């Protein structure tokens, strides 16, 4: 039996190649045969004549395999959600914690000299887009010797989005690498006190840690930045996020350390 002959359409030279305006989804790629991460070569040239070959049903299984490779190579790009608004905390079904609205974070995290994240955005997971916040004692066996221990739970499906810019002392760079990731984590931090330059005493975080239940970049190529991004998120929780939940705190103490 002779193989099926695909339909052929002759095009002029000036239509050999066209650029797509955005990355197509795997579903549409499967349906149309467009399976590229940034460009679509819609024609092949033979002897000066551009020929477009429509994919027949015979190649469907092959396209499905390539579609899977597309997801691995290009990543899954999700739309940016709307900026969340702060909300008051209220008691959750678990009496140990309060359920709080997702705190907003500054649009820029870090400094030019140390590297920074621009267009930063935090979206908490769960159906209500909230976090769970609790305050206990750092030494429950000897409460009189302990201080406040803060616990913040970010449900799986929480999102951090932003663009990472490498150290740039002159602040010339305005855009960087998209560094979006989805995560779930539990933060634990112990309260401390230190004396400020003016002689006043201020509340700060003397030690803290973040235990992740999940952590996945949208683009697998960003895996090299995992340690950096976890450290930056940890610092943001110690300062900006915790300060919104417990306004008396001013961020990390000068002698802050990672909790064992």
Protein backbone atom coordinates (compact mmCIF):
# COMPACT_ATOMS: atom_id res chain seq x y z
CA UNK A 1 0.00 0.00 0.00
CA UNK A 2 1.35 3.41 -0.90
CA UNK A 3 1.77 5.87 2.02
CA UNK A 4 -0.70 8.73 2.36
CA UNK A 5 0.28 11.87 0.55
CA UNK A 6 -0.02 15.05 2.61
CA UNK A 7 -1.69 18.03 1.00
CA UNK A 8 0.75 20.60 -0.42
CA UNK A 9 0.36 24.35 -0.70
CA UNK A 10 2.80 26.49 -2.70
CA UNK A 11 3.83 29.79 -1.14
CA UNK A 12 5.90 32.73 -2.36
CA UNK A 13 9.45 33.29 -1.09
CA UNK A 14 8.45 36.20 1.18
CA UNK A 15 6.24 33.85 3.22
CA UNK A 16 8.85 31.25 4.01
CA UNK A 17 9.15 32.15 7.68
CA UNK A 18 6.97 33.93 10.18
CA UNK A 19 7.53 34.75 13.85
CA UNK A 20 4.91 33.86 16.40
CA UNK A 21 4.10 36.56 18.95
CA UNK A 22 4.03 34.27 21.96
CA UNK A 23 4.80 30.73 23.00
CA UNK A 24 2.03 28.36 21.99
CA UNK A 25 0.59 25.89 24.45
CA UNK A 26 1.19 22.15 24.12
CA UNK A 27 -2.49 21.66 23.32
CA UNK A 28 -2.48 24.09 20.41
CA UNK A 29 0.92 22.82 19.35
CA UNK A 30 -0.48 19.30 19.15
CA UNK A 31 -3.44 20.44 17.08
CA UNK A 32 -1.51 22.58 14.59
CA UNK A 33 1.94 21.04 14.47
CA UNK A 34 3.56 24.21 15.85
CA UNK A 35 6.03 22.99 18.40
CA UNK A 36 8.73 25.58 18.96
CA UNK A 37 9.80 27.67 21.99
CA UNK A 38 9.92 31.02 20.23
CA UNK A 39 9.72 30.74 16.44
CA UNK A 40 7.59 28.88 13.98
CA UNK A 41 9.22 27.86 10.72
CA UNK A 42 6.03 27.40 8.75
CA UNK A 43 7.68 26.34 5.52
CA UNK A 44 10.49 24.31 4.03
CA UNK A 45 12.28 25.42 0.84
CA UNK A 46 12.87 23.05 -2.04
CA UNK A 47 14.55 24.47 -5.17
CA UNK A 48 13.46 28.04 -4.46
CA UNK A 49 9.82 27.11 -3.84
CA UNK A 50 8.41 27.26 -0.31
CA UNK A 51 6.19 24.32 0.48
CA UNK A 52 3.97 23.99 3.55
CA UNK A 53 3.06 20.44 4.51
CA UNK A 54 0.02 19.92 6.69
CA UNK A 55 0.43 17.26 9.34
CA UNK A 56 -1.90 14.30 8.89
CA UNK A 57 -3.40 12.08 11.52
CA UNK A 58 -0.62 9.54 10.95
CA UNK A 59 1.85 11.82 12.76
CA UNK A 60 -0.36 12.45 15.79
CA UNK A 61 1.46 10.01 18.07
CA UNK A 62 4.81 11.55 17.13
CA UNK A 63 3.49 15.03 17.86
CA UNK A 64 2.30 13.90 21.28
CA UNK A 65 5.82 12.69 22.16
CA UNK A 66 7.35 15.94 20.97
CA UNK A 67 4.73 17.84 22.96
CA UNK A 68 5.96 16.15 26.14
CA UNK A 69 9.53 17.19 25.26
CA UNK A 70 8.25 20.75 24.71
CA UNK A 71 6.90 20.89 28.25
CA UNK A 72 10.22 19.71 29.67
CA UNK A 73 12.35 22.08 27.59
CA UNK A 74 10.17 25.19 27.62
CA UNK A 75 8.42 24.85 30.98
CA UNK A 76 4.84 25.66 31.82
CA UNK A 77 4.25 29.41 31.72
CA UNK A 78 1.31 30.45 33.91
CA UNK A 79 -0.43 33.82 33.66
CA UNK A 80 0.47 36.42 36.26
CA UNK A 81 -2.24 36.62 38.94
CA UNK A 82 -3.58 39.91 40.23
CA UNK A 83 -1.73 41.60 43.08
CA UNK A 84 -3.20 40.29 46.35
CA UNK A 85 -4.44 42.60 49.10
CA UNK A 86 -3.65 42.33 52.79
CA UNK A 87 -6.44 41.09 55.07
CA UNK A 88 -6.81 40.84 58.81
CA UNK A 89 -6.02 37.61 60.61
CA UNK A 90 -8.82 35.54 62.10
CA UNK A 91 -9.03 32.30 64.04
CA UNK A 92 -8.72 29.18 61.98
CA UNK A 93 -10.39 25.82 62.76
CA UNK A 94 -7.07 24.87 64.34
CA UNK A 95 -7.01 26.93 67.55
CA UNK A 96 -3.19 27.03 67.50
CA UNK A 97 -3.08 29.21 64.41
CA UNK A 98 -4.72 32.25 62.89
CA UNK A 99 -5.62 32.39 59.21
CA UNK A 100 -4.33 35.57 57.58
CA UNK A 101 -4.65 37.22 54.23
CA UNK A 102 -1.65 36.85 51.95
CA UNK A 103 0.83 39.65 52.78
CA UNK A 104 2.06 41.86 49.97
CA UNK A 105 5.81 42.22 49.44
CA UNK A 106 7.81 45.10 47.95
CA UNK A 107 8.12 45.07 44.17
CA UNK A 108 11.91 45.17 44.53
CA UNK A 109 13.80 42.84 46.88
CA UNK A 110 17.53 43.21 47.47
CA UNK A 111 20.02 45.84 46.33
CA UNK A 112 21.86 46.62 43.11
CA UNK A 113 25.25 45.69 44.58
CA UNK A 114 24.07 42.35 45.98
CA UNK A 115 21.64 41.48 43.21
CA UNK A 116 17.92 42.14 43.30
CA UNK A 117 14.50 40.87 42.26
CA UNK A 118 12.21 43.29 40.44
CA UNK A 119 8.45 42.99 39.90
CA UNK A 120 8.29 40.65 42.90
CA UNK A 121 4.89 39.19 43.72
CA UNK A 122 3.73 36.65 46.32
CA UNK A 123 0.47 34.74 45.90
CA UNK A 124 -0.44 32.35 48.70
CA UNK A 125 -1.80 28.88 47.95
CA UNK A 126 -5.03 27.20 48.98
CA UNK A 127 -8.58 28.03 47.93
CA UNK A 128 -8.70 31.15 50.12
CA UNK A 129 -5.22 32.43 49.19
CA UNK A 130 -4.26 32.70 52.86
CA UNK A 131 -1.47 31.67 55.21
CA UNK A 132 -1.59 30.19 58.72
CA UNK A 133 0.18 32.18 61.43
CA UNK A 134 0.84 31.06 64.99
CA UNK A 135 2.79 32.30 68.03
CA UNK A 136 4.15 29.84 70.59
CA UNK A 137 7.07 29.66 73.02
CA UNK A 138 10.61 28.90 71.90
CA UNK A 139 11.18 26.82 75.06
CA UNK A 140 7.88 25.18 75.95
CA UNK A 141 9.58 23.02 78.59
CA UNK A 142 10.74 26.20 80.38
CA UNK A 143 8.37 28.97 79.26
CA UNK A 144 9.87 31.59 81.56
CA UNK A 145 13.18 31.27 79.70
CA UNK A 146 11.68 31.30 76.24
CA UNK A 147 10.60 33.98 73.81
CA UNK A 148 7.96 34.15 71.11
CA UNK A 149 8.29 31.51 68.39
CA UNK A 150 6.55 32.46 65.15
CA UNK A 151 5.22 29.88 62.71
CA UNK A 152 3.95 30.67 59.20
CA UNK A 153 2.60 27.99 56.89
CA UNK A 154 2.45 28.58 53.13
CA UNK A 155 0.20 25.95 51.58
CA UNK A 156 1.37 23.97 48.55
CA UNK A 157 0.52 25.90 45.41
CA UNK A 158 1.84 29.22 46.73
CA UNK A 159 3.54 31.28 44.02
CA UNK A 160 6.51 33.65 43.95
CA UNK A 161 7.11 35.66 40.79
CA UNK A 162 9.76 38.14 39.79
CA UNK A 163 12.76 38.89 37.59
CA UNK A 164 16.24 38.16 39.00
CA UNK A 165 19.02 40.67 38.24
CA UNK A 166 22.63 39.74 39.03
CA UNK A 167 24.84 42.12 41.08
CA UNK A 168 24.85 45.46 39.25
CA UNK A 169 26.61 48.16 41.35
CA UNK A 170 25.70 50.89 38.87
CA UNK A 171 22.01 49.89 38.77
CA UNK A 172 22.15 49.98 34.98
CA UNK A 173 20.25 46.74 34.36
CA UNK A 174 16.47 47.12 34.38
CA UNK A 175 15.34 43.59 33.56
CA UNK A 176 16.59 40.10 34.36
CA UNK A 177 15.69 36.41 34.29
CA UNK A 178 12.10 35.36 35.03
CA UNK A 179 12.42 33.32 38.18
CA UNK A 180 8.82 32.27 38.94
CA UNK A 181 8.29 29.21 41.13
CA UNK A 182 5.56 27.35 43.01
CA UNK A 183 6.17 26.18 46.55
CA UNK A 184 4.83 25.09 49.92
CA UNK A 185 6.73 25.76 53.16
CA UNK A 186 6.66 26.21 56.92
CA UNK A 187 8.63 29.09 58.43
CA UNK A 188 9.80 29.03 62.07
CA UNK A 189 11.40 32.05 63.73
CA UNK A 190 12.42 32.91 67.30
CA UNK A 191 12.07 36.42 68.65
CA UNK A 192 15.06 38.25 70.08
CA UNK A 193 15.93 41.74 71.25
CA UNK A 194 18.81 44.06 70.51
CA UNK A 195 19.81 47.60 71.41
CA UNK A 196 19.58 50.14 68.62
CA UNK A 197 22.06 52.98 68.04
CA UNK A 198 19.82 55.41 69.91
CA UNK A 199 19.82 53.15 73.00
CA UNK A 200 16.29 51.84 72.49
CA UNK A 201 15.44 48.14 72.53
CA UNK A 202 13.87 46.63 69.46
CA UNK A 203 12.31 43.26 68.70
CA UNK A 204 13.98 41.24 65.95
CA UNK A 205 14.41 37.65 64.73
CA UNK A 206 17.47 35.99 66.27
CA UNK A 207 17.15 32.65 64.44
CA UNK A 208 14.81 31.14 61.86
CA UNK A 209 14.41 28.46 59.20
CA UNK A 210 12.17 27.50 56.29
CA UNK A 211 11.21 23.86 55.64
CA UNK A 212 9.86 23.28 52.13
CA UNK A 213 7.19 20.73 51.34
CA UNK A 214 7.46 21.54 47.61
CA UNK A 215 9.53 23.79 45.35
CA UNK A 216 9.29 23.85 41.54
CA UNK A 217 10.45 26.46 39.04
CA UNK A 218 8.23 27.17 36.03
CA UNK A 219 11.32 26.77 33.83
CA UNK A 220 13.53 23.80 34.69
CA UNK A 221 16.63 25.71 33.55
CA UNK A 222 16.32 27.94 36.61
CA UNK A 223 17.22 25.07 38.93
CA UNK A 224 20.72 26.57 39.28
CA UNK A 225 19.11 29.48 41.17
CA UNK A 226 17.26 27.34 43.72
CA UNK A 227 19.57 28.01 46.68
CA UNK A 228 19.68 31.73 45.92
CA UNK A 229 15.89 32.06 45.64
CA UNK A 230 15.23 30.07 48.81
CA UNK A 231 17.63 32.32 50.71
CA UNK A 232 15.96 35.46 49.33
CA UNK A 233 12.47 34.23 50.19
CA UNK A 234 13.68 33.32 53.69
CA UNK A 235 15.05 36.85 54.19
CA UNK A 236 11.80 38.37 52.92
CA UNK A 237 9.78 36.33 55.44
CA UNK A 238 12.07 37.41 58.31
CA UNK A 239 11.59 41.05 57.44
CA UNK A 240 8.72 42.19 55.26
CA UNK A 241 6.24 39.34 55.74
CA UNK A 242 6.65 38.83 59.48
CA UNK A 243 6.58 42.59 60.10
CA UNK A 244 3.14 42.75 58.49
CA UNK A 245 1.87 39.95 60.73
CA UNK A 246 3.66 41.09 63.90
CA UNK A 247 4.39 44.84 63.54
CA UNK A 248 6.65 44.98 66.62
CA UNK A 249 9.34 43.03 64.76
CA UNK A 250 11.90 44.88 62.65
CA UNK A 251 13.48 41.97 60.80
CA UNK A 252 16.64 40.02 61.49
CA UNK A 253 18.85 40.75 64.50
CA UNK A 254 22.44 41.73 63.78
CA UNK A 255 23.55 38.37 65.20
CA UNK A 256 20.86 36.41 63.31
CA UNK A 257 21.62 32.80 62.49
CA UNK A 258 19.95 29.95 60.62
CA UNK A 259 17.97 27.80 63.02
CA UNK A 260 19.36 24.25 63.26
